[in-house]
Amino acid sequence: MGKKLCLFIAGDSTAANCPPHEAPMMGWGQVAAECFTDKVKVVNAAKGGRSSNSFIEEGLLDGIWDSISRGDYLFIQFGHNDQKDFGTKPWTTYPQYLGQYIDGARERGALPVLLTSVQRRTFGEDGTIQNSLGDYPASMRELADKKDVPLIDMWAKTKWLYESYGPERSTELFTWFAPGENNNYPEGIQDNTHFCETGARKVAALVAEGIQELNLPLKAYIKEAIRNG
């Protein structure tokens, strides 16, 4: 039996595997494998709190380079932590660091795919999601055009998703619990950034939708139930 096609994910906590003590908090990458047949192996290297630059500085990208092969995919999604002091500037250092992921994947015969950041649950008074990610999504879209990289616009897709649920019901997608409702969050939690299982699966399905829209060869391995949505 030949080597499985590998899909590597480089990103932050919105894509990462969350530890058991944070359950049911879950990144979309944690359940991404459920969207594919067993011919695809998902290697989720996303880590909470990382920006496009700190992921590289901590050697996490080197770990991907040690394993990635010709024909594999590298999905790249950063932005949330790039906004922090240790992060990057949207129009200068952000695209420079993202370029290292793109070029490194191509040098190894792998296909890089950019994913704009998922939105936070930031509803305005008019019932629509207000952008909390500054110029990072626009910068990534510009870079995708410039370097001819496939891009899945998760910023746009999650805006649609949250708004389809509405301001109240959209809490079902996130880690939201009243005090005493969940053993891992006895004091309660109202997290508008990190998904619960429901949200992670919905967002992973949107990633699969984006793969089909881009007509990537990877789409052949998406499960029929996901494909037909």
Protein backbone atom coordinates (compact mmCIF):
# COMPACT_ATOMS: atom_id res chain seq x y z
CA MET A 1 0.00 0.00 0.00
CA GLY A 2 1.39 3.42 -1.01
CA LYS A 3 2.00 6.39 1.21
CA LYS A 4 -1.11 8.34 2.15
CA LEU A 5 -1.55 11.86 0.89
CA CYS A 6 -0.82 14.19 3.82
CA LEU A 7 -2.57 17.45 4.61
CA PHE A 8 -0.47 19.52 7.02
CA ILE A 9 -2.05 22.41 8.93
CA ALA A 10 0.03 25.33 10.21
CA GLY A 11 -2.04 27.71 12.31
CA ASP A 12 -3.21 28.96 15.69
CA SER A 13 -5.71 27.82 18.33
CA THR A 14 -8.71 28.20 16.03
CA ALA A 15 -7.32 25.22 14.06
CA ALA A 16 -5.38 23.41 16.82
CA ASN A 17 -6.05 20.18 18.70
CA CYS A 18 -7.23 21.29 22.14
CA PRO A 19 -6.16 19.29 25.23
CA PRO A 20 -8.79 17.18 27.07
CA HIS A 21 -9.06 19.61 29.99
CA GLU A 22 -10.33 22.27 27.55
CA ALA A 23 -12.98 20.02 25.95
CA PRO A 24 -15.32 20.56 24.25
CA MET A 25 -13.19 23.46 22.96
CA MET A 26 -11.91 22.34 19.58
CA GLY A 27 -10.05 23.73 16.59
CA TRP A 28 -11.35 22.91 13.12
CA GLY A 29 -8.15 20.99 12.34
CA GLN A 30 -8.95 18.58 15.15
CA VAL A 31 -11.90 17.20 13.17
CA ALA A 32 -10.68 17.92 9.62
CA ALA A 33 -9.85 14.25 9.05
CA GLU A 34 -13.58 13.45 9.36
CA CYS A 35 -14.11 15.26 6.04
CA PHE A 36 -11.83 12.91 4.09
CA THR A 37 -11.61 9.26 3.17
CA ASP A 38 -8.90 7.13 4.75
CA LYS A 39 -6.62 7.90 1.78
CA VAL A 40 -5.77 11.27 3.40
CA LYS A 41 -3.79 11.72 6.60
CA VAL A 42 -4.31 15.06 8.38
CA VAL A 43 -1.26 16.26 10.32
CA ASN A 44 -2.49 19.09 12.49
CA ALA A 45 0.58 21.10 13.56
CA ALA A 46 -1.47 24.19 14.52
CA LYS A 47 -0.72 25.46 18.04
CA GLY A 48 -2.56 27.85 20.30
CA GLY A 49 -1.12 31.33 20.74
CA ARG A 50 1.10 31.21 17.66
CA SER A 51 1.50 33.90 15.03
CA SER A 52 2.99 33.47 11.56
CA ASN A 53 6.38 34.53 12.92
CA SER A 54 6.40 32.76 16.33
CA PHE A 55 5.42 29.45 14.68
CA ILE A 56 8.64 29.69 12.66
CA GLU A 57 10.78 31.06 15.50
CA GLU A 58 9.80 28.13 17.75
CA GLY A 59 10.82 25.59 15.12
CA LEU A 60 7.28 24.36 14.48
CA LEU A 61 7.58 24.90 10.74
CA ASP A 62 10.84 22.92 10.73
CA GLY A 63 8.84 20.00 12.12
CA ILE A 64 6.57 20.18 9.07
CA TRP A 65 9.55 20.40 6.69
CA ASP A 66 10.95 17.21 8.23
CA SER A 67 7.82 15.25 7.20
CA ILE A 68 6.21 16.91 4.18
CA SER A 69 6.65 15.24 0.78
CA ARG A 70 5.99 15.92 -2.87
CA GLY A 71 2.25 15.98 -3.57
CA ASP A 72 1.28 16.80 0.03
CA TYR A 73 -0.64 19.94 1.04
CA LEU A 74 0.23 22.70 3.51
CA PHE A 75 -2.75 24.72 4.75
CA ILE A 76 -1.60 28.01 6.29
CA GLN A 77 -3.88 30.03 8.59
CA PHE A 78 -2.54 32.79 10.83
CA GLY A 79 -3.78 36.25 11.83
CA HIS A 80 -5.34 36.18 15.30
CA ASN A 81 -2.04 36.29 17.17
CA ASP A 82 -0.26 38.30 14.49
CA GLN A 83 -2.30 41.18 15.94
CA LYS A 84 -0.42 40.87 19.25
CA ASP A 85 2.78 42.69 20.26
CA PHE A 86 4.97 39.69 19.37
CA GLY A 87 3.23 39.29 16.00
CA THR A 88 3.55 40.96 12.62
CA LYS A 89 2.40 44.04 10.72
CA PRO A 90 -0.28 43.29 8.13
CA TRP A 91 1.29 44.81 5.03
CA THR A 92 4.99 44.14 5.72
CA THR A 93 6.17 41.37 8.04
CA TYR A 94 2.96 39.30 7.82
CA PRO A 95 3.25 38.58 4.07
CA GLN A 96 7.03 38.19 4.44
CA TYR A 97 6.61 35.40 6.98
CA LEU A 98 3.74 33.77 5.08
CA GLY A 99 6.04 33.75 2.06
CA GLN A 100 8.39 31.39 3.94
CA TYR A 101 5.59 28.81 4.27
CA ILE A 102 4.62 29.16 0.61
CA ASP A 103 8.16 29.00 -0.78
CA GLY A 104 9.17 26.16 1.56
CA ALA A 105 6.21 24.04 0.51
CA ARG A 106 6.84 24.64 -3.17
CA GLU A 107 10.55 23.84 -2.82
CA ARG A 108 9.53 20.43 -1.44
CA GLY A 109 6.98 19.74 -4.17
CA ALA A 110 4.01 20.30 -1.82
CA LEU A 111 1.03 22.55 -2.54
CA PRO A 112 0.55 25.55 -0.22
CA VAL A 113 -2.99 26.81 0.39
CA LEU A 114 -3.69 30.04 2.28
CA LEU A 115 -6.73 30.34 4.58
CA THR A 116 -7.79 33.73 5.89
CA SER A 117 -8.47 33.83 9.63
CA VAL A 118 -11.84 32.74 10.95
CA GLN A 119 -13.90 35.61 12.28
CA ARG A 120 -14.50 36.15 15.98
CA ARG A 121 -18.09 36.28 17.22
CA THR A 122 -18.28 40.09 17.07
CA PHE A 123 -21.84 41.04 16.21
CA GLY A 124 -22.70 44.69 15.78
CA GLU A 125 -26.04 46.23 16.70
CA ASP A 126 -27.24 45.62 13.15
CA GLY A 127 -26.85 41.85 13.61
CA THR A 128 -23.83 41.50 11.31
CA ILE A 129 -20.30 40.43 12.18
CA GLN A 130 -17.87 43.32 12.57
CA ASN A 131 -14.30 42.69 11.40
CA SER A 132 -11.94 42.29 14.37
CA LEU A 133 -8.95 41.17 12.31
CA GLY A 134 -7.84 44.47 10.82
CA ASP A 135 -6.03 44.30 7.49
CA TYR A 136 -4.69 40.77 7.90
CA PRO A 137 -7.36 39.04 5.77
CA ALA A 138 -6.99 41.63 2.98
CA SER A 139 -3.19 41.32 3.12
CA MET A 140 -3.40 37.54 2.78
CA ARG A 141 -5.76 37.82 -0.20
CA GLU A 142 -3.32 40.22 -1.88
CA LEU A 143 -0.42 37.86 -1.22
CA ALA A 144 -2.38 34.92 -2.68
CA ASP A 145 -2.88 36.92 -5.89
CA LYS A 146 0.73 38.05 -6.00
CA LYS A 147 2.23 34.58 -5.48
CA ASP A 148 -0.54 32.68 -7.28
CA VAL A 149 -1.47 30.60 -4.23
CA PRO A 150 -4.92 29.01 -3.82
CA LEU A 151 -6.86 30.77 -1.05
CA ILE A 152 -9.88 29.69 0.99
CA ASP A 153 -11.53 32.81 2.39
CA MET A 154 -12.51 31.55 5.83
CA TRP A 155 -12.95 35.15 6.97
CA ALA A 156 -15.86 35.47 4.51
CA LYS A 157 -17.19 31.94 5.07
CA THR A 158 -17.32 32.23 8.87
CA LYS A 159 -18.99 35.65 8.64
CA TRP A 160 -21.73 33.96 6.63
CA LEU A 161 -21.88 31.02 9.08
CA TYR A 162 -22.21 33.12 12.24
CA GLU A 163 -24.73 35.47 10.68
CA SER A 164 -26.82 32.51 9.49
CA TYR A 165 -27.08 31.47 13.16
CA GLY A 166 -27.66 35.01 14.39
CA PRO A 167 -26.33 36.86 17.46
CA GLU A 168 -27.98 34.60 20.06
CA ARG A 169 -27.86 31.12 18.54
CA SER A 170 -24.28 31.54 17.30
CA THR A 171 -23.06 30.86 20.86
CA GLU A 172 -23.79 27.20 19.98
CA LEU A 173 -20.69 27.29 17.75
CA PHE A 174 -18.36 28.54 20.49
CA THR A 175 -17.15 27.57 23.96
CA TRP A 176 -20.03 29.13 25.88
CA PHE A 177 -21.27 27.66 29.17
CA ALA A 178 -23.16 28.96 32.15
CA PRO A 179 -21.60 28.37 35.61
CA GLY A 180 -22.01 24.70 36.60
CA GLU A 181 -22.98 23.63 33.08
CA ASN A 182 -19.68 21.98 32.15
CA ASN A 183 -17.16 20.30 34.45
CA ASN A 184 -14.17 21.76 32.62
CA TYR A 185 -15.57 25.28 33.05
CA PRO A 186 -17.20 25.27 36.51
CA GLU A 187 -17.25 29.08 36.66
CA GLY A 188 -18.75 29.28 33.17
CA ILE A 189 -17.14 30.69 30.04
CA GLN A 190 -18.09 33.07 27.23
CA ASP A 191 -15.46 32.60 24.54
CA ASN A 192 -16.14 34.32 21.21
CA THR A 193 -12.99 33.03 19.50
CA HIS A 194 -12.69 29.31 20.17
CA PHE A 195 -15.12 26.75 18.80
CA CYS A 196 -16.86 23.89 20.54
CA GLU A 197 -17.32 20.56 18.73
CA THR A 198 -20.33 21.84 16.78
CA GLY A 199 -18.50 24.93 15.57
CA ALA A 200 -15.29 23.06 14.74
CA ARG A 201 -17.18 20.59 12.55
CA LYS A 202 -19.11 23.35 10.77
CA VAL A 203 -15.89 25.24 10.07
CA ALA A 204 -14.07 22.09 8.90
CA ALA A 205 -16.95 21.51 6.47
CA LEU A 206 -16.46 25.06 5.16
CA VAL A 207 -12.79 24.28 4.58
CA ALA A 208 -13.86 21.20 2.60
CA GLU A 209 -16.28 23.39 0.65
CA GLY A 210 -13.40 25.74 -0.17
CA ILE A 211 -11.29 22.83 -1.43
CA GLN A 212 -14.09 21.92 -3.83
CA GLU A 213 -14.58 25.52 -4.97
CA LEU A 214 -10.87 25.78 -5.78
CA ASN A 215 -11.08 22.47 -7.64
CA LEU A 216 -7.97 21.20 -5.85
CA PRO A 217 -7.11 17.54 -6.59
CA LEU A 218 -7.62 16.98 -2.85
CA LYS A 219 -11.37 17.28 -3.47
CA ALA A 220 -11.42 13.71 -4.83
CA TYR A 221 -10.87 12.48 -1.25
CA ILE A 222 -13.66 14.44 0.42
CA LYS A 223 -16.32 12.10 1.79
CA GLU A 224 -19.54 12.03 -0.20
CA ALA A 225 -21.65 13.10 2.80
CA ILE A 226 -19.49 16.22 3.22
CA ARG A 227 -19.40 16.87 -0.54
CA ASN A 228 -23.17 16.82 -0.74
CA GLY A 229 -23.41 18.83 2.49
